[in-house]
PDB file of N, CA and C in Angstrom:
ATOM      1  N   UNK A   1      54.399 118.724 167.580  1.00  0.00           N
ATOM      2  CA  UNK A   1      55.061 117.636 166.969  1.00  0.00           C
ATOM      3  C   UNK A   1      56.374 118.119 166.358  1.00  0.00           C
ATOM      4  N   UNK A   2      57.363 117.424 166.596  1.00  0.00           N
ATOM      5  CA  UNK A   2      58.668 117.787 166.076  1.00  0.00           C
ATOM      6  C   UNK A   2      58.869 117.153 164.709  1.00  0.00           C
ATOM      7  N   UNK A   3      59.252 118.029 163.829  1.00  0.00           N
ATOM      8  CA  UNK A   3      59.473 117.508 162.478  1.00  0.00           C
ATOM      9  C   UNK A   3      60.905 116.988 162.380  1.00  0.00           C
ATOM     10  N   UNK A   4      60.976 115.833 161.810  1.00  0.00           N
ATOM     11  CA  UNK A   4      62.295 115.242 161.606  1.00  0.00           C
ATOM     12  C   UNK A   4      62.837 115.726 160.265  1.00  0.00           C
ATOM     13  N   UNK A   5      63.944 116.319 160.341  1.00  0.00           N
ATOM     14  CA  UNK A   5      64.565 116.783 159.089  1.00  0.00           C
ATOM     15  C   UNK A   5      65.601 115.759 158.659  1.00  0.00           C
ATOM     16  N   UNK A   6      65.492 115.384 157.452  1.00  0.00           N
ATOM     17  CA  UNK A   6      66.472 114.447 156.909  1.00  0.00           C
ATOM     18  C   UNK A   6      67.394 115.185 155.954  1.00  0.00           C
ATOM     19  N   UNK A   7      68.605 114.965 156.135  1.00  0.00           N
ATOM     20  CA  UNK A   7      69.624 115.571 155.282  1.00  0.00           C
ATOM     21  C   UNK A   7      70.043 114.524 154.257  1.00  0.00           C
ATOM     22  N   UNK A   8      69.695 114.765 152.999  1.00  0.00           N
ATOM     23  CA  UNK A   8      69.994 113.803 151.943  1.00  0.00           C
ATOM     24  C   UNK A   8      71.368 114.020 151.311  1.00  0.00           C
ATOM     25  N   UNK A   9      72.152 114.893 151.855  1.00  0.00           N
ATOM     26  CA  UNK A   9      73.473 115.133 151.278  1.00  0.00           C
ATOM     27  C   UNK A   9      74.405 113.995 151.639  1.00  0.00           C
ATOM     28  N   UNK A  10      75.104 113.512 150.590  1.00  0.00           N
ATOM     29  CA  UNK A  10      76.049 112.417 150.814  1.00  0.00           C
ATOM     30  C   UNK A  10      77.489 112.891 150.784  1.00  0.00           C
ATOM     31  N   UNK A  11      77.691 114.139 150.411  1.00  0.00           N
ATOM     32  CA  UNK A  11      79.058 114.650 150.314  1.00  0.00           C
ATOM     33  C   UNK A  11      79.658 114.414 148.942  1.00  0.00           C
ATOM     34  N   UNK A  12      78.906 113.873 148.029  1.00  0.00           N
ATOM     35  CA  UNK A  12      79.375 113.589 146.677  1.00  0.00           C
ATOM     36  C   UNK A  12      78.742 114.591 145.737  1.00  0.00           C
ATOM     37  N   UNK A  13      79.545 115.486 145.189  1.00  0.00           N
ATOM     38  CA  UNK A  13      79.060 116.548 144.320  1.00  0.00           C
ATOM     39  C   UNK A  13      79.096 116.052 142.871  1.00  0.00           C
ATOM     40  N   UNK A  14      78.007 115.490 142.396  1.00  0.00           N
ATOM     41  CA  UNK A  14      77.944 114.854 141.078  1.00  0.00           C
ATOM     42  C   UNK A  14      78.235 115.818 139.937  1.00  0.00           C
ATOM     43  N   UNK A  15      77.646 117.005 139.887  1.00  0.00           N
ATOM     44  CA  UNK A  15      77.969 117.908 138.767  1.00  0.00           C
ATOM     45  C   UNK A  15      79.456 118.273 138.699  1.00  0.00           C
ATOM     46  N   UNK A  16      80.084 118.459 139.829  1.00  0.00           N
ATOM     47  CA  UNK A  16      81.509 118.798 139.837  1.00  0.00           C
ATOM     48  C   UNK A  16      82.343 117.626 139.322  1.00  0.00           C
ATOM     49  N   UNK A  17      82.006 116.420 139.712  1.00  0.00           N
ATOM     50  CA  UNK A  17      82.742 115.239 139.267  1.00  0.00           C
ATOM     51  C   UNK A  17      82.582 115.056 137.760  1.00  0.00           C
ATOM     52  N   UNK A  18      81.377 115.266 137.248  1.00  0.00           N
ATOM     53  CA  UNK A  18      81.137 115.140 135.814  1.00  0.00           C
ATOM     54  C   UNK A  18      81.932 116.194 135.051  1.00  0.00           C
ATOM     55  N   UNK A  19      81.936 117.420 135.520  1.00  0.00           N
ATOM     56  CA  UNK A  19      82.663 118.496 134.844  1.00  0.00           C
ATOM     57  C   UNK A  19      84.174 118.242 134.855  1.00  0.00           C
ATOM     58  N   UNK A  20      84.689 117.788 135.984  1.00  0.00           N
ATOM     59  CA  UNK A  20      86.124 117.492 136.072  1.00  0.00           C
ATOM     60  C   UNK A  20      86.481 116.340 135.138  1.00  0.00           C
ATOM     61  N   UNK A  21      85.643 115.315 135.080  1.00  0.00           N
ATOM     62  CA  UNK A  21      85.888 114.176 134.191  1.00  0.00           C
ATOM     63  C   UNK A  21      85.882 114.617 132.739  1.00  0.00           C
ATOM     64  N   UNK A  22      84.921 115.451 132.353  1.00  0.00           N
ATOM     65  CA  UNK A  22      84.884 115.959 130.988  1.00  0.00           C
ATOM     66  C   UNK A  22      86.124 116.801 130.674  1.00  0.00           C
ATOM     67  N   UNK A  23      86.539 117.618 131.616  1.00  0.00           N
ATOM     68  CA  UNK A  23      87.727 118.441 131.408  1.00  0.00           C
ATOM     69  C   UNK A  23      88.966 117.568 131.208  1.00  0.00           C
ATOM     70  N   UNK A  24      89.086 116.511 131.983  1.00  0.00           N
ATOM     71  CA  UNK A  24      90.233 115.596 131.857  1.00  0.00           C
ATOM     72  C   UNK A  24      90.190 114.889 130.508  1.00  0.00           C
ATOM     73  N   UNK A  25      89.023 114.432 130.083  1.00  0.00           N
ATOM     74  CA  UNK A  25      88.896 113.758 128.792  1.00  0.00           C
ATOM     75  C   UNK A  25      89.245 114.688 127.632  1.00  0.00           C
ATOM     76  N   UNK A  26      88.790 115.925 127.707  1.00  0.00           N
ATOM     77  CA  UNK A  26      89.109 116.895 126.656  1.00  0.00           C
ATOM     78  C   UNK A  26      90.609 117.181 126.631  1.00  0.00           C
ATOM     79  N   UNK A  27      91.228 117.294 127.799  1.00  0.00           N
ATOM     80  CA  UNK A  27      92.668 117.521 127.870  1.00  0.00           C
ATOM     81  C   UNK A  27      93.445 116.354 127.272  1.00  0.00           C
ATOM     82  N   UNK A  28      93.062 115.135 127.605  1.00  0.00           N
ATOM     83  CA  UNK A  28      93.764 113.950 127.084  1.00  0.00           C
ATOM     84  C   UNK A  28      93.601 113.859 125.566  1.00  0.00           C
ATOM     85  N   UNK A  29      92.402 114.169 125.065  1.00  0.00           N
ATOM     86  CA  UNK A  29      92.163 114.145 123.622  1.00  0.00           C
ATOM     87  C   UNK A  29      93.015 115.202 122.917  1.00  0.00           C
ATOM     88  N   UNK A  30      93.054 116.410 123.471  1.00  0.00           N
ATOM     89  CA  UNK A  30      93.861 117.476 122.880  1.00  0.00           C
ATOM     90  C   UNK A  30      95.349 117.111 122.913  1.00  0.00           C
ATOM     91  N   UNK A  31      95.800 116.512 123.985  1.00  0.00           N
ATOM     92  CA  UNK A  31      97.198 116.091 124.099  1.00  0.00           C
ATOM     93  C   UNK A  31      97.523 115.026 123.058  1.00  0.00           C
ATOM     94  N   UNK A  32      96.605 114.088 122.852  1.00  0.00           N
ATOM     95  CA  UNK A  32      96.855 113.037 121.854  1.00  0.00           C
ATOM     96  C   UNK A  32      96.914 113.632 120.448  1.00  0.00           C
ATOM     97  N   UNK A  33      96.059 114.622 120.151  1.00  0.00           N
ATOM     98  CA  UNK A  33      96.123 115.278 118.843  1.00  0.00           C
ATOM     99  C   UNK A  33      97.440 116.026 118.661  1.00  0.00           C
ATOM    100  N   UNK A  34      97.894 116.690 119.709  1.00  0.00           N
ATOM    101  CA  UNK A  34      99.162 117.419 119.658  1.00  0.00           C
ATOM    102  C   UNK A  34     100.323 116.463 119.400  1.00  0.00           C
ATOM    103  N   UNK A  35     100.359 115.357 120.119  1.00  0.00           N
ATOM    104  CA  UNK A  35     101.441 114.387 119.956  1.00  0.00           C
ATOM    105  C   UNK A  35     101.395 113.733 118.579  1.00  0.00           C
ATOM    106  N   UNK A  36     100.192 113.442 118.088  1.00  0.00           N
ATOM    107  CA  UNK A  36     100.058 112.843 116.766  1.00  0.00           C
ATOM    108  C   UNK A  36     100.534 113.819 115.686  1.00  0.00           C
ATOM    109  N   UNK A  37     100.221 115.093 115.845  1.00  0.00           N
ATOM    110  CA  UNK A  37     100.696 116.092 114.889  1.00  0.00           C
ATOM    111  C   UNK A  37     102.213 116.184 114.878  1.00  0.00           C
ATOM    112  N   UNK A  38     102.828 116.137 116.044  1.00  0.00           N
ATOM    113  CA  UNK A  38     104.288 116.151 116.119  1.00  0.00           C
ATOM    114  C   UNK A  38     104.903 114.935 115.464  1.00  0.00           C
ATOM    115  N   UNK A  39     104.298 113.772 115.684  1.00  0.00           N
ATOM    116  CA  UNK A  39     104.798 112.547 115.067  1.00  0.00           C
ATOM    117  C   UNK A  39     104.681 112.628 113.547  1.00  0.00           C
ATOM    118  N   UNK A  40     103.534 113.081 113.045  1.00  0.00           N
ATOM    119  CA  UNK A  40     103.336 113.171 111.599  1.00  0.00           C
ATOM    120  C   UNK A  40     104.319 114.149 110.971  1.00  0.00           C
ATOM    121  N   UNK A  41     104.607 115.246 111.645  1.00  0.00           N
ATOM    122  CA  UNK A  41     105.575 116.206 111.123  1.00  0.00           C
ATOM    123  C   UNK A  41     106.970 115.575 111.047  1.00  0.00           C
ATOM    124  N   UNK A  42     107.374 114.892 112.100  1.00  0.00           N
ATOM    125  CA  UNK A  42     108.683 114.235 112.106  1.00  0.00           C
ATOM    126  C   UNK A  42     108.746 113.137 111.043  1.00  0.00           C
ATOM    127  N   UNK A  43     107.653 112.400 110.870  1.00  0.00           N
ATOM    128  CA  UNK A  43     107.604 111.348 109.864  1.00  0.00           C
ATOM    129  C   UNK A  43     107.744 111.941 108.463  1.00  0.00           C
ATOM    130  N   UNK A  44     107.067 113.055 108.193  1.00  0.00           N
ATOM    131  CA  UNK A  44     107.159 113.702 106.878  1.00  0.00           C
ATOM    132  C   UNK A  44     108.575 114.186 106.603  1.00  0.00           C
ATOM    133  N   UNK A  45     109.229 114.746 107.601  1.00  0.00           N
ATOM    134  CA  UNK A  45     110.612 115.201 107.416  1.00  0.00           C
ATOM    135  C   UNK A  45     111.537 114.024 107.097  1.00  0.00           C
ATOM    136  N   UNK A  46     111.357 112.923 107.809  1.00  0.00           N
ATOM    137  CA  UNK A  46     112.181 111.735 107.587  1.00  0.00           C
ATOM    138  C   UNK A  46     111.915 111.143 106.203  1.00  0.00           C
ATOM    139  N   UNK A  47     110.642 111.131 105.797  1.00  0.00           N
ATOM    140  CA  UNK A  47     110.274 110.610 104.479  1.00  0.00           C
ATOM    141  C   UNK A  47     110.914 111.451 103.370  1.00  0.00           C
ATOM    142  N   UNK A  48     110.871 112.761 103.520  1.00  0.00           N
ATOM    143  CA  UNK A  48     111.481 113.633 102.518  1.00  0.00           C
ATOM    144  C   UNK A  48     112.983 113.422 102.453  1.00  0.00           C
ATOM    145  N   UNK A  49     113.604 113.246 103.607  1.00  0.00           N
ATOM    146  CA  UNK A  49     115.057 113.073 103.634  1.00  0.00           C
ATOM    147  C   UNK A  49     115.479 111.747 103.012  1.00  0.00           C
ATOM    148  N   UNK A  50     114.707 110.691 103.243  1.00  0.00           N
ATOM    149  CA  UNK A  50     115.119 109.368 102.779  1.00  0.00           C
ATOM    150  C   UNK A  50     114.627 109.031 101.381  1.00  0.00           C
ATOM    151  N   UNK A  51     113.421 109.432 101.043  1.00  0.00           N
ATOM    152  CA  UNK A  51     112.822 108.983  99.791  1.00  0.00           C
ATOM    153  C   UNK A  51     112.857 110.050  98.710  1.00  0.00           C
ATOM    154  N   UNK A  52     112.465 111.246  99.052  1.00  0.00           N
ATOM    155  CA  UNK A  52     112.313 112.269  98.028  1.00  0.00           C
ATOM    156  C   UNK A  52     113.618 112.948  97.643  1.00  0.00           C
ATOM    157  N   UNK A  53     114.562 113.019  98.543  1.00  0.00           N
ATOM    158  CA  UNK A  53     115.815 113.734  98.281  1.00  0.00           C
ATOM    159  C   UNK A  53     116.947 112.767  97.957  1.00  0.00           C
ATOM    160  N   UNK A  54     116.770 111.975  96.925  1.00  0.00           N
ATOM    161  CA  UNK A  54     117.822 111.044  96.523  1.00  0.00           C
ATOM    162  C   UNK A  54     118.635 111.582  95.356  1.00  0.00           C
ATOM    163  N   UNK A  55     118.492 112.863  95.066  1.00  0.00           N
ATOM    164  CA  UNK A  55     119.154 113.450  93.905  1.00  0.00           C
ATOM    165  C   UNK A  55     120.663 113.587  94.082  1.00  0.00           C
ATOM    166  N   UNK A  56     121.126 113.829  95.256  1.00  0.00           N
ATOM    167  CA  UNK A  56     122.555 114.079  95.421  1.00  0.00           C
ATOM    168  C   UNK A  56     123.198 113.088  96.367  1.00  0.00           C
ATOM    169  N   UNK A  57     124.491 113.206  96.459  1.00  0.00           N
ATOM    170  CA  UNK A  57     125.209 112.428  97.444  1.00  0.00           C
ATOM    171  C   UNK A  57     125.590 111.038  96.957  1.00  0.00           C
ATOM    172  N   UNK A  58     125.818 110.166  97.912  1.00  0.00           N
ATOM    173  CA  UNK A  58     126.318 108.824  97.634  1.00  0.00           C
ATOM    174  C   UNK A  58     125.295 107.978  96.886  1.00  0.00           C
ATOM    175  N   UNK A  59     124.009 108.191  97.133  1.00  0.00           N
ATOM    176  CA  UNK A  59     122.986 107.389  96.468  1.00  0.00           C
ATOM    177  C   UNK A  59     122.996 107.639  94.963  1.00  0.00           C
ATOM    178  N   UNK A  60     123.144 108.878  94.551  1.00  0.00           N
ATOM    179  CA  UNK A  60     123.171 109.198  93.125  1.00  0.00           C
ATOM    180  C   UNK A  60     124.412 108.623  92.452  1.00  0.00           C
ATOM    181  N   UNK A  61     125.541 108.683  93.151  1.00  0.00           N
ATOM    182  CA  UNK A  61     126.776 108.123  92.599  1.00  0.00           C
ATOM    183  C   UNK A  61     126.667 106.614  92.455  1.00  0.00           C
ATOM    184  N   UNK A  62     126.111 105.972  93.455  1.00  0.00           N
ATOM    185  CA  UNK A  62     125.944 104.509  93.406  1.00  0.00           C
ATOM    186  C   UNK A  62     124.996 104.111  92.282  1.00  0.00           C
ATOM    187  N   UNK A  63     123.916 104.846  92.129  1.00  0.00           N
ATOM    188  CA  UNK A  63     122.962 104.565  91.062  1.00  0.00           C
ATOM    189  C   UNK A  63     123.603 104.759  89.692  1.00  0.00           C
ATOM    190  N   UNK A  64     124.416 105.784  89.545  1.00  0.00           N
ATOM    191  CA  UNK A  64     125.097 106.036  88.276  1.00  0.00           C
ATOM    192  C   UNK A  64     126.084 104.916  87.950  1.00  0.00           C
ATOM    193  N   UNK A  65     126.798 104.424  88.959  1.00  0.00           N
ATOM    194  CA  UNK A  65     127.737 103.312  88.750  1.00  0.00           C
ATOM    195  C   UNK A  65     127.005 102.049  88.321  1.00  0.00           C
ATOM    196  N   UNK A  66     125.899 101.749  88.990  1.00  0.00           N
ATOM    197  CA  UNK A  66     125.137 100.550  88.646  1.00  0.00           C
ATOM    198  C   UNK A  66     124.535 100.658  87.251  1.00  0.00           C
ATOM    199  N   UNK A  67     124.043 101.843  86.880  1.00  0.00           N
ATOM    200  CA  UNK A  67     123.471 102.028  85.548  1.00  0.00           C
ATOM    201  C   UNK A  67     124.556 101.902  84.487  1.00  0.00           C
ATOM    202  N   UNK A  68     125.759 102.376  84.774  1.00  0.00           N
ATOM    203  CA  UNK A  68     126.863 102.261  83.819  1.00  0.00           C
ATOM    204  C   UNK A  68     127.231 100.795  83.593  1.00  0.00           C
ATOM    205  N   UNK A  69     127.209  99.997  84.635  1.00  0.00           N
ATOM    206  CA  UNK A  69     127.492  98.564  84.504  1.00  0.00           C
ATOM    207  C   UNK A  69     126.436  97.901  83.625  1.00  0.00           C
ATOM    208  N   UNK A  70     125.156  98.262  83.865  1.00  0.00           N
ATOM    209  CA  UNK A  70     124.073  97.660  83.080  1.00  0.00           C
ATOM    210  C   UNK A  70     124.129  98.082  81.617  1.00  0.00           C
ATOM    211  N   UNK A  71     124.519  99.320  81.349  1.00  0.00           N
ATOM    212  CA  UNK A  71     124.551  99.832  79.985  1.00  0.00           C
ATOM    213  C   UNK A  71     125.819  99.442  79.231  1.00  0.00           C
ATOM    214  N   UNK A  72     126.785  98.833  79.905  1.00  0.00           N
ATOM    215  CA  UNK A  72     128.070  98.517  79.283  1.00  0.00           C
ATOM    216  C   UNK A  72     127.960  97.430  78.219  1.00  0.00           C
ATOM    217  N   UNK A  73     126.933  96.652  78.228  1.00  0.00           N
ATOM    218  CA  UNK A  73     126.791  95.590  77.232  1.00  0.00           C
ATOM    219  C   UNK A  73     127.095  94.236  77.856  1.00  0.00           C
ATOM    220  N   UNK A  74     127.623  93.343  77.052  1.00  0.00           N
ATOM    221  CA  UNK A  74     127.916  91.991  77.521  1.00  0.00           C
ATOM    222  C   UNK A  74     129.044  92.019  78.538  1.00  0.00           C
ATOM    223  N   UNK A  75     128.930  91.194  79.552  1.00  0.00           N
ATOM    224  CA  UNK A  75     129.971  91.097  80.577  1.00  0.00           C
ATOM    225  C   UNK A  75     129.857  89.737  81.256  1.00  0.00           C
ATOM    226  N   UNK A  76     130.948  89.284  81.795  1.00  0.00           N
ATOM    227  CA  UNK A  76     130.924  88.037  82.551  1.00  0.00           C
ATOM    228  C   UNK A  76     130.400  88.315  83.955  1.00  0.00           C
ATOM    229  N   UNK A  77     129.405  87.534  84.365  1.00  0.00           N
ATOM    230  CA  UNK A  77     128.932  87.582  85.743  1.00  0.00           C
ATOM    231  C   UNK A  77     129.673  86.531  86.542  1.00  0.00           C
ATOM    232  N   UNK A  78     129.752  85.308  85.964  1.00  0.00           N
ATOM    233  CA  UNK A  78     130.488  84.209  86.581  1.00  0.00           C
ATOM    234  C   UNK A  78     131.121  83.415  85.447  1.00  0.00           C
ATOM    235  N   UNK A  79     132.366  83.725  85.130  1.00  0.00           N
ATOM    236  CA  UNK A  79     133.021  83.109  83.986  1.00  0.00           C
ATOM    237  C   UNK A  79     133.225  81.615  84.174  1.00  0.00           C
ATOM    238  N   UNK A  80     133.490  81.179  85.400  1.00  0.00           N
ATOM    239  CA  UNK A  80     133.717  79.757  85.659  1.00  0.00           C
ATOM    240  C   UNK A  80     132.476  78.927  85.348  1.00  0.00           C
ATOM    241  N   UNK A  81     131.307  79.466  85.613  1.00  0.00           N
ATOM    242  CA  UNK A  81     130.069  78.723  85.353  1.00  0.00           C
ATOM    243  C   UNK A  81     129.400  79.130  84.044  1.00  0.00           C
ATOM    244  N   UNK A  82     130.019  80.028  83.293  1.00  0.00           N
ATOM    245  CA  UNK A  82     129.488  80.412  81.989  1.00  0.00           C
ATOM    246  C   UNK A  82     128.298  81.349  82.050  1.00  0.00           C
ATOM    247  N   UNK A  83     128.196  82.175  83.093  1.00  0.00           N
ATOM    248  CA  UNK A  83     127.077  83.113  83.198  1.00  0.00           C
ATOM    249  C   UNK A  83     127.495  84.480  82.680  1.00  0.00           C
ATOM    250  N   UNK A  84     126.683  85.002  81.759  1.00  0.00           N
ATOM    251  CA  UNK A  84     126.979  86.270  81.111  1.00  0.00           C
ATOM    252  C   UNK A  84     125.853  87.239  81.411  1.00  0.00           C
ATOM    253  N   UNK A  85     126.195  88.497  81.645  1.00  0.00           N
ATOM    254  CA  UNK A  85     125.196  89.545  81.814  1.00  0.00           C
ATOM    255  C   UNK A  85     125.092  90.348  80.533  1.00  0.00           C
ATOM    256  N   UNK A  86     123.850  90.679  80.127  1.00  0.00           N
ATOM    257  CA  UNK A  86     123.662  91.457  78.925  1.00  0.00           C
ATOM    258  C   UNK A  86     122.415  92.320  79.078  1.00  0.00           C
ATOM    259  N   UNK A  87     122.313  93.392  78.298  1.00  0.00           N
ATOM    260  CA  UNK A  87     121.143  94.259  78.398  1.00  0.00           C
ATOM    261  C   UNK A  87     119.858  93.489  78.074  1.00  0.00           C
ATOM    262  N   UNK A  88     118.748  93.913  78.680  1.00  0.00           N
ATOM    263  CA  UNK A  88     117.493  93.181  78.561  1.00  0.00           C
ATOM    264  C   UNK A  88     116.991  93.143  77.117  1.00  0.00           C
ATOM    265  N   UNK A  89     117.187  94.224  76.372  1.00  0.00           N
ATOM    266  CA  UNK A  89     116.733  94.232  74.980  1.00  0.00           C
ATOM    267  C   UNK A  89     117.496  93.202  74.152  1.00  0.00           C
ATOM    268  N   UNK A  90     118.797  93.082  74.380  1.00  0.00           N
ATOM    269  CA  UNK A  90     119.594  92.066  73.679  1.00  0.00           C
ATOM    270  C   UNK A  90     119.168  90.670  74.096  1.00  0.00           C
ATOM    271  N   UNK A  91     118.848  90.480  75.368  1.00  0.00           N
ATOM    272  CA  UNK A  91     118.408  89.175  75.853  1.00  0.00           C
ATOM    273  C   UNK A  91     117.081  88.785  75.212  1.00  0.00           C
ATOM    274  N   UNK A  92     116.163  89.736  75.080  1.00  0.00           N
ATOM    275  CA  UNK A  92     114.870  89.446  74.433  1.00  0.00           C
ATOM    276  C   UNK A  92     115.080  89.052  72.974  1.00  0.00           C
ATOM    277  N   UNK A  93     115.921  89.804  72.286  1.00  0.00           N
ATOM    278  CA  UNK A  93     116.182  89.493  70.875  1.00  0.00           C
ATOM    279  C   UNK A  93     116.819  88.120  70.736  1.00  0.00           C
ATOM    280  N   UNK A  94     117.716  87.769  71.640  1.00  0.00           N
ATOM    281  CA  UNK A  94     118.380  86.467  71.607  1.00  0.00           C
ATOM    282  C   UNK A  94     117.389  85.326  71.840  1.00  0.00           C
ATOM    283  N   UNK A  95     116.474  85.511  72.774  1.00  0.00           N
ATOM    284  CA  UNK A  95     115.459  84.481  73.053  1.00  0.00           C
ATOM    285  C   UNK A  95     114.534  84.304  71.860  1.00  0.00           C
ATOM    286  N   UNK A  96     114.131  85.409  71.260  1.00  0.00           N
ATOM    287  CA  UNK A  96     113.245  85.330  70.097  1.00  0.00           C
ATOM    288  C   UNK A  96     113.933  84.645  68.936  1.00  0.00           C
ATOM    289  N   UNK A  97     115.208  84.988  68.699  1.00  0.00           N
ATOM    290  CA  UNK A  97     115.933  84.374  67.581  1.00  0.00           C
ATOM    291  C   UNK A  97     116.176  82.886  67.794  1.00  0.00           C
ATOM    292  N   UNK A  98     116.364  82.465  69.057  1.00  0.00           N
ATOM    293  CA  UNK A  98     116.582  81.040  69.332  1.00  0.00           C
ATOM    294  C   UNK A  98     115.271  80.267  69.269  1.00  0.00           C
ATOM    295  N   UNK A  99     114.154  80.954  69.499  1.00  0.00           N
ATOM    296  CA  UNK A  99     112.862  80.274  69.474  1.00  0.00           C
ATOM    297  C   UNK A  99     112.370  80.002  68.061  1.00  0.00           C
ATOM    298  N   UNK A 100     112.920  80.658  67.046  1.00  0.00           N
ATOM    299  CA  UNK A 100     112.432  80.479  65.678  1.00  0.00           C
ATOM    300  C   UNK A 100     113.164  79.389  64.963  1.00  0.00           C
TER     301      UNK A 100
END
């Protein structure tokens, strides 16, 4: 009697496909972590330049000019309409004195 041999091979190597898929997933995950780290580093540098380092340059000069205007005391904001600018402490005292 002749034995019939059946070949169950389909040509699809499942362990190799699983290993390659895992390798690709690990690579993509590592790449995303690398890119995220680069973005966070660039973001931190930009944050330091814009927010934390406001001590010098044009921003400090502008802030000093604005503070000098506020500290100058009474001033006309719009003389035609009768609007006056004054320090907040003087404004509070004026409101309290008018309320009594």
